[in-house]
C-alpha atoms as a PDB file:
ATOM      1  CA  MET A   1       0.000   0.000   0.000  1.00  0.00           C
ATOM      2  CA  ILE A   2       2.836   2.301   0.746  1.00  0.00           C
ATOM      3  CA  GLN A   3       4.253   1.577  -2.631  1.00  0.00           C
ATOM      4  CA  ASN A   4       0.931   2.326  -4.274  1.00  0.00           C
ATOM      5  CA  GLY A   5       0.739   5.593  -2.365  1.00  0.00           C
ATOM      6  CA  PHE A   6       4.260   6.463  -3.424  1.00  0.00           C
ATOM      7  CA  ARG A   7       3.563   5.478  -7.001  1.00  0.00           C
ATOM      8  CA  GLY A   8       0.400   7.506  -6.970  1.00  0.00           C
ATOM      9  CA  ARG A   9       2.217  10.540  -5.690  1.00  0.00           C
ATOM     10  CA  LEU A  10       4.993   9.964  -8.178  1.00  0.00           C
ATOM     11  CA  ASN A  11       2.453   9.696 -11.007  1.00  0.00           C
ATOM     12  CA  ALA A  12       0.706  12.795  -9.722  1.00  0.00           C
ATOM     13  CA  PHE A  13       4.076  14.551  -9.700  1.00  0.00           C
ATOM     14  CA  PHE A  14       4.733  13.593 -13.319  1.00  0.00           C
ATOM     15  CA  VAL A  15       1.233  14.612 -14.352  1.00  0.00           C
ATOM     16  CA  VAL A  16       1.666  17.988 -12.668  1.00  0.00           C
ATOM     17  CA  ARG A  17       5.146  18.371 -14.161  1.00  0.00           C
ATOM     18  CA  ASP A  18       3.925  17.478 -17.640  1.00  0.00           C
ATOM     19  CA  SER A  19       0.978  19.824 -17.248  1.00  0.00           C
ATOM     20  CA  LEU A  20       3.300  22.601 -16.219  1.00  0.00           C
ATOM     21  CA  ARG A  21       5.573  21.851 -19.162  1.00  0.00           C
ATOM     22  CA  LEU A  22       2.600  21.831 -21.475  1.00  0.00           C
ATOM     23  CA  GLY A  23       1.461  25.130 -19.995  1.00  0.00           C
ATOM     24  CA  VAL A  24       4.929  26.568 -20.424  1.00  0.00           C
ATOM     25  CA  LEU A  25       5.021  25.284 -23.988  1.00  0.00           C
ATOM     26  CA  ARG A  26       1.614  26.760 -24.610  1.00  0.00           C
ATOM     27  CA  GLN A  27       2.814  30.056 -23.150  1.00  0.00           C
ATOM     28  CA  GLU A  28       6.013  29.915 -25.204  1.00  0.00           C
ATOM     29  CA  THR A  29       3.976  29.076 -28.296  1.00  0.00           C
ATOM     30  CA  LYS A  30       1.715  32.017 -27.540  1.00  0.00           C
ATOM     31  CA  ASN A  31       4.755  34.246 -27.039  1.00  0.00           C
ATOM     32  CA  VAL A  32       6.220  33.073 -30.351  1.00  0.00           C
ATOM     33  CA  ARG A  33       2.902  33.694 -32.080  1.00  0.00           C
ATOM     34  CA  ASP A  34       2.723  37.129 -30.473  1.00  0.00           C
ATOM     35  CA  GLY A  35       6.306  37.801 -31.561  1.00  0.00           C
ATOM     36  CA  ILE A  36       5.501  36.741 -35.097  1.00  0.00           C
ATOM     37  CA  SER A  37       2.432  38.962 -35.050  1.00  0.00           C
ATOM     38  CA  VAL A  38       4.506  41.883 -33.844  1.00  0.00           C
ATOM     39  CA  LEU A  39       7.073  41.123 -36.521  1.00  0.00           C
ATOM     40  CA  ARG A  40       4.364  40.979 -39.184  1.00  0.00           C
ATOM     41  CA  ILE A  41       2.965  44.296 -37.996  1.00  0.00           C
ATOM     42  CA  GLY A  42       6.460  45.805 -38.109  1.00  0.00           C
ATOM     43  CA  VAL A  43       7.091  44.492 -41.601  1.00  0.00           C
ATOM     44  CA  MET A  44       3.720  45.762 -42.808  1.00  0.00           C
ATOM     45  CA  TRP A  45       4.397  49.173 -41.256  1.00  0.00           C
ATOM     46  CA  ALA A  46       7.838  49.310 -42.888  1.00  0.00           C
ATOM     47  CA  ALA A  47       6.326  48.327 -46.242  1.00  0.00           C
ATOM     48  CA  LEU A  48       3.684  51.034 -45.941  1.00  0.00           C
ATOM     49  CA  VAL A  49       6.259  53.663 -45.030  1.00  0.00           C
ATOM     50  CA  ALA A  50       8.545  52.542 -47.858  1.00  0.00           C
ATOM     51  CA  GLY A  51       5.627  52.631 -50.277  1.00  0.00           C
ATOM     52  CA  SER A  52       4.747  56.129 -49.153  1.00  0.00           C
ATOM     53  CA  LEU A  53       8.313  57.223 -49.616  1.00  0.00           C
ATOM     54  CA  LEU A  54       8.464  55.694 -53.070  1.00  0.00           C
ATOM     55  CA  ASP A  55       5.269  57.473 -54.032  1.00  0.00           C
ATOM     56  CA  ALA A  56       6.730  60.708 -52.709  1.00  0.00           C
ATOM     57  CA  SER A  57      10.160  60.157 -54.263  1.00  0.00           C
ATOM     58  CA  PRO A  58       9.758  62.778 -57.023  1.00  0.00           C
ATOM     59  CA  ALA A  59       8.869  65.336 -54.389  1.00  0.00           C
ATOM     60  CA  LEU A  60      11.787  64.248 -52.237  1.00  0.00           C
ATOM     61  CA  ALA A  61      14.140  64.316 -55.186  1.00  0.00           C
ATOM     62  CA  GLN A  62      13.056  67.852 -55.992  1.00  0.00           C
ATOM     63  CA  SER A  63      13.569  68.995 -52.437  1.00  0.00           C
ATOM     64  CA  ARG A  64      17.115  67.643 -52.260  1.00  0.00           C
ATOM     65  CA  THR A  65      19.955  69.698 -53.586  1.00  0.00           C
ATOM     66  CA  ASP A  66      21.467  68.563 -56.860  1.00  0.00           C
ATOM     67  CA  PRO A  67      25.277  68.500 -56.892  1.00  0.00           C
ATOM     68  CA  MET A  68      25.329  69.542 -60.559  1.00  0.00           C
ATOM     69  CA  LEU A  69      23.234  72.582 -59.704  1.00  0.00           C
ATOM     70  CA  ASN A  70      25.125  73.512 -56.539  1.00  0.00           C
ATOM     71  CA  SER A  71      28.214  74.839 -58.271  1.00  0.00           C
ATOM     72  CA  SER A  72      28.542  76.539 -61.604  1.00  0.00           C
ATOM     73  CA  PRO A  73      30.891  74.872 -64.063  1.00  0.00           C
ATOM     74  CA  SER A  74      34.199  76.660 -64.460  1.00  0.00           C
ATOM     75  CA  TRP A  75      34.114  76.499 -68.248  1.00  0.00           C
ATOM     76  CA  ASP A  76      31.664  79.361 -68.912  1.00  0.00           C
ATOM     77  CA  ALA A  77      34.296  81.276 -70.893  1.00  0.00           C
ATOM     78  CA  ASN A  78      32.444  84.592 -71.212  1.00  0.00           C
ATOM     79  CA  HIS A  79      30.806  84.327 -67.742  1.00  0.00           C
ATOM     80  CA  ASP A  80      27.343  85.051 -69.127  1.00  0.00           C
ATOM     81  CA  GLY A  81      25.677  82.178 -67.254  1.00  0.00           C
ATOM     82  CA  THR A  82      25.026  80.238 -70.466  1.00  0.00           C
ATOM     83  CA  TYR A  83      27.071  77.103 -71.017  1.00  0.00           C
ATOM     84  CA  THR A  84      27.641  76.082 -74.619  1.00  0.00           C
ATOM     85  CA  CYS A  85      29.093  73.052 -76.364  1.00  0.00           C
ATOM     86  CA  GLU A  86      31.770  75.277 -77.897  1.00  0.00           C
ATOM     87  CA  GLU A  87      32.814  76.528 -74.460  1.00  0.00           C
ATOM     88  CA  TRP A  88      32.948  72.916 -73.261  1.00  0.00           C
ATOM     89  CA  LYS A  89      35.132  71.812 -76.176  1.00  0.00           C
ATOM     90  CA  SER A  90      37.433  74.792 -75.743  1.00  0.00           C
ATOM     91  CA  PHE A  91      37.752  74.021 -72.027  1.00  0.00           C
ATOM     92  CA  MET A  92      38.487  70.353 -72.705  1.00  0.00           C
ATOM     93  CA  ASP A  93      41.077  71.312 -75.338  1.00  0.00           C
ATOM     94  CA  ARG A  94      42.878  73.563 -72.826  1.00  0.00           C
ATOM     95  CA  LEU A  95      42.816  70.771 -70.247  1.00  0.00           C
ATOM     96  CA  PHE A  96      44.194  68.302 -72.780  1.00  0.00           C
ATOM     97  CA  VAL A  97      47.060  70.615 -73.771  1.00  0.00           C
ATOM     98  CA  SER A  98      47.990  71.273 -70.130  1.00  0.00           C
ATOM     99  CA  ALA A  99      47.924  67.560 -69.242  1.00  0.00           C
ATOM    100  CA  ASP A 100      49.685  66.194 -72.349  1.00  0.00           C
ATOM    101  CA  LYS A 101      53.244  66.153 -71.076  1.00  0.00           C
ATOM    102  CA  GLY A 102      55.736  65.870 -73.915  1.00  0.00           C
ATOM    103  CA  ARG A 103      53.093  66.919 -76.463  1.00  0.00           C
ATOM    104  CA  LYS A 104      52.571  63.315 -77.611  1.00  0.00           C
ATOM    105  CA  GLY A 105      49.001  63.893 -78.751  1.00  0.00           C
ATOM    106  CA  PHE A 106      47.484  61.525 -76.166  1.00  0.00           C
ATOM    107  CA  LEU A 107      46.955  61.235 -72.424  1.00  0.00           C
ATOM    108  CA  THR A 108      48.220  58.369 -70.317  1.00  0.00           C
ATOM    109  CA  ARG A 109      46.444  57.200 -67.181  1.00  0.00           C
ATOM    110  CA  PRO A 110      48.657  59.294 -64.859  1.00  0.00           C
ATOM    111  CA  GLU A 111      48.094  62.353 -67.050  1.00  0.00           C
ATOM    112  CA  PHE A 112      44.366  61.687 -67.025  1.00  0.00           C
ATOM    113  CA  ASP A 113      44.487  61.547 -63.218  1.00  0.00           C
ATOM    114  CA  THR A 114      45.903  65.088 -63.167  1.00  0.00           C
ATOM    115  CA  VAL A 115      42.981  66.182 -65.365  1.00  0.00           C
ATOM    116  CA  LYS A 116      40.545  64.671 -62.869  1.00  0.00           C
ATOM    117  CA  LYS A 117      42.138  66.717 -60.108  1.00  0.00           C
ATOM    118  CA  ALA A 118      42.138  69.895 -62.203  1.00  0.00           C
ATOM    119  CA  ASP A 119      38.372  70.311 -62.383  1.00  0.00           C
ATOM    120  CA  PRO A 120      35.597  69.113 -60.045  1.00  0.00           C
ATOM    121  CA  SER A 121      33.296  68.308 -62.971  1.00  0.00           C
ATOM    122  CA  LEU A 122      35.764  65.603 -64.032  1.00  0.00           C
ATOM    123  CA  ALA A 123      36.631  64.282 -60.559  1.00  0.00           C
ATOM    124  CA  GLU A 124      34.591  61.103 -61.059  1.00  0.00           C
ATOM    125  CA  ALA A 125      35.489  60.675 -64.736  1.00  0.00           C
ATOM    126  CA  ASP A 126      36.508  57.242 -65.935  1.00  0.00           C
ATOM    127  CA  PHE A 127      39.523  56.683 -68.179  1.00  0.00           C
ATOM    128  CA  GLY A 128      37.625  54.023 -70.143  1.00  0.00           C
ATOM    129  CA  TYR A 129      34.796  56.447 -70.920  1.00  0.00           C
ATOM    130  CA  PHE A 130      37.191  58.721 -72.790  1.00  0.00           C
ATOM    131  CA  ASP A 131      39.347  55.958 -74.291  1.00  0.00           C
ATOM    132  CA  GLU A 132      36.780  54.922 -76.916  1.00  0.00           C
ATOM    133  CA  ASN A 133      39.035  52.591 -78.883  1.00  0.00           C
ATOM    134  CA  GLN A 134      40.409  51.052 -75.672  1.00  0.00           C
ATOM    135  CA  ASP A 135      44.055  51.387 -76.729  1.00  0.00           C
ATOM    136  CA  GLY A 136      45.189  52.486 -73.263  1.00  0.00           C
ATOM    137  CA  LYS A 137      45.574  56.153 -74.180  1.00  0.00           C
ATOM    138  CA  ILE A 138      43.188  59.031 -74.801  1.00  0.00           C
ATOM    139  CA  SER A 139      43.668  60.964 -78.023  1.00  0.00           C
ATOM    140  CA  ARG A 140      42.887  64.655 -78.279  1.00  0.00           C
ATOM    141  CA  LYS A 141      39.815  63.873 -80.400  1.00  0.00           C
ATOM    142  CA  GLU A 142      38.548  61.278 -77.900  1.00  0.00           C
ATOM    143  CA  PHE A 143      38.980  63.757 -75.073  1.00  0.00           C
ATOM    144  CA  VAL A 144      37.689  66.964 -76.637  1.00  0.00           C
ATOM    145  CA  ASP A 145      34.746  65.432 -78.509  1.00  0.00           C
ATOM    146  CA  LYS A 146      33.177  63.775 -75.454  1.00  0.00           C
ATOM    147  CA  PRO A 147      29.907  65.514 -74.636  1.00  0.00           C
ATOM    148  CA  SER A 148      29.456  67.355 -71.393  1.00  0.00           C
ATOM    149  CA  VAL A 149      27.237  65.461 -68.970  1.00  0.00           C
ATOM    150  CA  PHE A 150      26.098  68.872 -67.730  1.00  0.00           C
ATOM    151  CA  ILE A 151      24.857  69.896 -71.188  1.00  0.00           C
ATOM    152  CA  LEU A 152      23.342  66.491 -71.867  1.00  0.00           C
ATOM    153  CA  ARG A 153      21.365  66.727 -68.673  1.00  0.00           C
ATOM    154  CA  PHE A 154      20.187  70.338 -68.659  1.00  0.00           C
ATOM    155  CA  ASP A 155      19.889  71.373 -72.320  1.00  0.00           C
ATOM    156  CA  ARG A 156      16.162  70.741 -72.708  1.00  0.00           C
ATOM    157  CA  ASN A 157      15.637  72.214 -76.169  1.00  0.00           C
ATOM    158  CA  GLY A 158      18.645  70.627 -77.882  1.00  0.00           C
ATOM    159  CA  ASP A 159      20.417  73.821 -78.973  1.00  0.00           C
ATOM    160  CA  CYS A 160      23.703  72.804 -77.320  1.00  0.00           C
ATOM    161  CA  ARG A 161      23.334  75.623 -74.783  1.00  0.00           C
ATOM    162  CA  VAL A 162      22.300  75.519 -71.129  1.00  0.00           C
ATOM    163  CA  THR A 163      20.702  78.824 -70.240  1.00  0.00           C
ATOM    164  CA  PRO A 164      19.982  80.219 -66.775  1.00  0.00           C
ATOM    165  CA  GLU A 165      16.293  79.546 -67.463  1.00  0.00           C
ATOM    166  CA  GLU A 166      16.987  75.861 -68.146  1.00  0.00           C
ATOM    167  CA  LEU A 167      19.014  75.626 -64.922  1.00  0.00           C
ATOM    168  CA  LYS A 168      16.221  77.326 -62.996  1.00  0.00           C
ATOM    169  CA  ALA A 169      13.659  74.927 -64.476  1.00  0.00           C
ATOM    170  CA  ALA A 170      15.880  71.976 -63.512  1.00  0.00           C
ATOM    171  CA  ALA A 171      16.231  73.293 -59.964  1.00  0.00           C
ATOM    172  CA  ASN A 172      12.459  73.709 -59.597  1.00  0.00           C
ATOM    173  CA  PRO A 173      10.798  71.026 -61.724  1.00  0.00           C
ATOM    174  CA  GLN A 174       7.049  71.283 -61.948  1.00  0.00           C
ATOM    175  CA  SER A 175       5.227  68.279 -60.558  1.00  0.00           C
ATOM    176  CA  GLY A 176       3.336  66.404 -63.193  1.00  0.00           C
ATOM    177  CA  ALA A 177       5.264  68.014 -66.038  1.00  0.00           C
ATOM    178  CA  PRO A 178       7.000  65.505 -68.293  1.00  0.00           C
ATOM    179  CA  GLN A 179      10.749  65.483 -67.805  1.00  0.00           C
ATOM    180  CA  ASP A 180      12.879  65.305 -70.928  1.00  0.00           C
ATOM    181  CA  LYS A 181      15.596  62.701 -70.937  1.00  0.00           C
ATOM    182  CA  ALA A 182      19.185  63.718 -71.520  1.00  0.00           C
ATOM    183  CA  ARG A 183      20.139  63.380 -75.156  1.00  0.00           C
ATOM    184  CA  ASP A 184      23.507  62.990 -76.811  1.00  0.00           C
ATOM    185  CA  ARG A 185      23.552  65.811 -79.354  1.00  0.00           C
ATOM    186  CA  TYR A 186      27.099  65.063 -80.443  1.00  0.00           C
ATOM    187  CA  HIS A 187      26.593  61.691 -82.132  1.00  0.00           C
END
Protein backbone atom coordinates (compact mmCIF):
# COMPACT_ATOMS: atom_id res chain seq x y z
CA MET A 1 0.00 0.00 0.00
CA ILE A 2 2.84 2.30 0.75
CA GLN A 3 4.25 1.58 -2.63
CA ASN A 4 0.93 2.33 -4.27
CA GLY A 5 0.74 5.59 -2.36
CA PHE A 6 4.26 6.46 -3.42
CA ARG A 7 3.56 5.48 -7.00
CA GLY A 8 0.40 7.51 -6.97
CA ARG A 9 2.22 10.54 -5.69
CA LEU A 10 4.99 9.96 -8.18
CA ASN A 11 2.45 9.70 -11.01
CA ALA A 12 0.71 12.80 -9.72
CA PHE A 13 4.08 14.55 -9.70
CA PHE A 14 4.73 13.59 -13.32
CA VAL A 15 1.23 14.61 -14.35
CA VAL A 16 1.67 17.99 -12.67
CA ARG A 17 5.15 18.37 -14.16
CA ASP A 18 3.92 17.48 -17.64
CA SER A 19 0.98 19.82 -17.25
CA LEU A 20 3.30 22.60 -16.22
CA ARG A 21 5.57 21.85 -19.16
CA LEU A 22 2.60 21.83 -21.47
CA GLY A 23 1.46 25.13 -19.99
CA VAL A 24 4.93 26.57 -20.42
CA LEU A 25 5.02 25.28 -23.99
CA ARG A 26 1.61 26.76 -24.61
CA GLN A 27 2.81 30.06 -23.15
CA GLU A 28 6.01 29.92 -25.20
CA THR A 29 3.98 29.08 -28.30
CA LYS A 30 1.71 32.02 -27.54
CA ASN A 31 4.75 34.25 -27.04
CA VAL A 32 6.22 33.07 -30.35
CA ARG A 33 2.90 33.69 -32.08
CA ASP A 34 2.72 37.13 -30.47
CA GLY A 35 6.31 37.80 -31.56
CA ILE A 36 5.50 36.74 -35.10
CA SER A 37 2.43 38.96 -35.05
CA VAL A 38 4.51 41.88 -33.84
CA LEU A 39 7.07 41.12 -36.52
CA ARG A 40 4.36 40.98 -39.18
CA ILE A 41 2.97 44.30 -38.00
CA GLY A 42 6.46 45.80 -38.11
CA VAL A 43 7.09 44.49 -41.60
CA MET A 44 3.72 45.76 -42.81
CA TRP A 45 4.40 49.17 -41.26
CA ALA A 46 7.84 49.31 -42.89
CA ALA A 47 6.33 48.33 -46.24
CA LEU A 48 3.68 51.03 -45.94
CA VAL A 49 6.26 53.66 -45.03
CA ALA A 50 8.55 52.54 -47.86
CA GLY A 51 5.63 52.63 -50.28
CA SER A 52 4.75 56.13 -49.15
CA LEU A 53 8.31 57.22 -49.62
CA LEU A 54 8.46 55.69 -53.07
CA ASP A 55 5.27 57.47 -54.03
CA ALA A 56 6.73 60.71 -52.71
CA SER A 57 10.16 60.16 -54.26
CA PRO A 58 9.76 62.78 -57.02
CA ALA A 59 8.87 65.34 -54.39
CA LEU A 60 11.79 64.25 -52.24
CA ALA A 61 14.14 64.32 -55.19
CA GLN A 62 13.06 67.85 -55.99
CA SER A 63 13.57 68.99 -52.44
CA ARG A 64 17.12 67.64 -52.26
CA THR A 65 19.95 69.70 -53.59
CA ASP A 66 21.47 68.56 -56.86
CA PRO A 67 25.28 68.50 -56.89
CA MET A 68 25.33 69.54 -60.56
CA LEU A 69 23.23 72.58 -59.70
CA ASN A 70 25.12 73.51 -56.54
CA SER A 71 28.21 74.84 -58.27
CA SER A 72 28.54 76.54 -61.60
CA PRO A 73 30.89 74.87 -64.06
CA SER A 74 34.20 76.66 -64.46
CA TRP A 75 34.11 76.50 -68.25
CA ASP A 76 31.66 79.36 -68.91
CA ALA A 77 34.30 81.28 -70.89
CA ASN A 78 32.44 84.59 -71.21
CA HIS A 79 30.81 84.33 -67.74
CA ASP A 80 27.34 85.05 -69.13
CA GLY A 81 25.68 82.18 -67.25
CA THR A 82 25.03 80.24 -70.47
CA TYR A 83 27.07 77.10 -71.02
CA THR A 84 27.64 76.08 -74.62
CA CYS A 85 29.09 73.05 -76.36
CA GLU A 86 31.77 75.28 -77.90
CA GLU A 87 32.81 76.53 -74.46
CA TRP A 88 32.95 72.92 -73.26
CA LYS A 89 35.13 71.81 -76.18
CA SER A 90 37.43 74.79 -75.74
CA PHE A 91 37.75 74.02 -72.03
CA MET A 92 38.49 70.35 -72.71
CA ASP A 93 41.08 71.31 -75.34
CA ARG A 94 42.88 73.56 -72.83
CA LEU A 95 42.82 70.77 -70.25
CA PHE A 96 44.19 68.30 -72.78
CA VAL A 97 47.06 70.62 -73.77
CA SER A 98 47.99 71.27 -70.13
CA ALA A 99 47.92 67.56 -69.24
CA ASP A 100 49.68 66.19 -72.35
CA LYS A 101 53.24 66.15 -71.08
CA GLY A 102 55.74 65.87 -73.92
CA ARG A 103 53.09 66.92 -76.46
CA LYS A 104 52.57 63.31 -77.61
CA GLY A 105 49.00 63.89 -78.75
CA PHE A 106 47.48 61.53 -76.17
CA LEU A 107 46.95 61.24 -72.42
CA THR A 108 48.22 58.37 -70.32
CA ARG A 109 46.44 57.20 -67.18
CA PRO A 110 48.66 59.29 -64.86
CA GLU A 111 48.09 62.35 -67.05
CA PHE A 112 44.37 61.69 -67.03
CA ASP A 113 44.49 61.55 -63.22
CA THR A 114 45.90 65.09 -63.17
CA VAL A 115 42.98 66.18 -65.37
CA LYS A 116 40.55 64.67 -62.87
CA LYS A 117 42.14 66.72 -60.11
CA ALA A 118 42.14 69.89 -62.20
CA ASP A 119 38.37 70.31 -62.38
CA PRO A 120 35.60 69.11 -60.04
CA SER A 121 33.30 68.31 -62.97
CA LEU A 122 35.76 65.60 -64.03
CA ALA A 123 36.63 64.28 -60.56
CA GLU A 124 34.59 61.10 -61.06
CA ALA A 125 35.49 60.67 -64.74
CA ASP A 126 36.51 57.24 -65.94
CA PHE A 127 39.52 56.68 -68.18
CA GLY A 128 37.63 54.02 -70.14
CA TYR A 129 34.80 56.45 -70.92
CA PHE A 130 37.19 58.72 -72.79
CA ASP A 131 39.35 55.96 -74.29
CA GLU A 132 36.78 54.92 -76.92
CA ASN A 133 39.04 52.59 -78.88
CA GLN A 134 40.41 51.05 -75.67
CA ASP A 135 44.06 51.39 -76.73
CA GLY A 136 45.19 52.49 -73.26
CA LYS A 137 45.57 56.15 -74.18
CA ILE A 138 43.19 59.03 -74.80
CA SER A 139 43.67 60.96 -78.02
CA ARG A 140 42.89 64.66 -78.28
CA LYS A 141 39.81 63.87 -80.40
CA GLU A 142 38.55 61.28 -77.90
CA PHE A 143 38.98 63.76 -75.07
CA VAL A 144 37.69 66.96 -76.64
CA ASP A 145 34.75 65.43 -78.51
CA LYS A 146 33.18 63.78 -75.45
CA PRO A 147 29.91 65.51 -74.64
CA SER A 148 29.46 67.35 -71.39
CA VAL A 149 27.24 65.46 -68.97
CA PHE A 150 26.10 68.87 -67.73
CA ILE A 151 24.86 69.90 -71.19
CA LEU A 152 23.34 66.49 -71.87
CA ARG A 153 21.36 66.73 -68.67
CA PHE A 154 20.19 70.34 -68.66
CA ASP A 155 19.89 71.37 -72.32
CA ARG A 156 16.16 70.74 -72.71
CA ASN A 157 15.64 72.21 -76.17
CA GLY A 158 18.65 70.63 -77.88
CA ASP A 159 20.42 73.82 -78.97
CA CYS A 160 23.70 72.80 -77.32
CA ARG A 161 23.33 75.62 -74.78
CA VAL A 162 22.30 75.52 -71.13
CA THR A 163 20.70 78.82 -70.24
CA PRO A 164 19.98 80.22 -66.77
CA GLU A 165 16.29 79.55 -67.46
CA GLU A 166 16.99 75.86 -68.15
CA LEU A 167 19.01 75.63 -64.92
CA LYS A 168 16.22 77.33 -63.00
CA ALA A 169 13.66 74.93 -64.48
CA ALA A 170 15.88 71.98 -63.51
CA ALA A 171 16.23 73.29 -59.96
CA ASN A 172 12.46 73.71 -59.60
CA PRO A 173 10.80 71.03 -61.72
CA GLN A 174 7.05 71.28 -61.95
CA SER A 175 5.23 68.28 -60.56
CA GLY A 176 3.34 66.40 -63.19
CA ALA A 177 5.26 68.01 -66.04
CA PRO A 178 7.00 65.50 -68.29
CA GLN A 179 10.75 65.48 -67.81
CA ASP A 180 12.88 65.31 -70.93
CA LYS A 181 15.60 62.70 -70.94
CA ALA A 182 19.18 63.72 -71.52
CA ARG A 183 20.14 63.38 -75.16
CA ASP A 184 23.51 62.99 -76.81
CA ARG A 185 23.55 65.81 -79.35
CA TYR A 186 27.10 65.06 -80.44
CA HIS A 187 26.59 61.69 -82.13
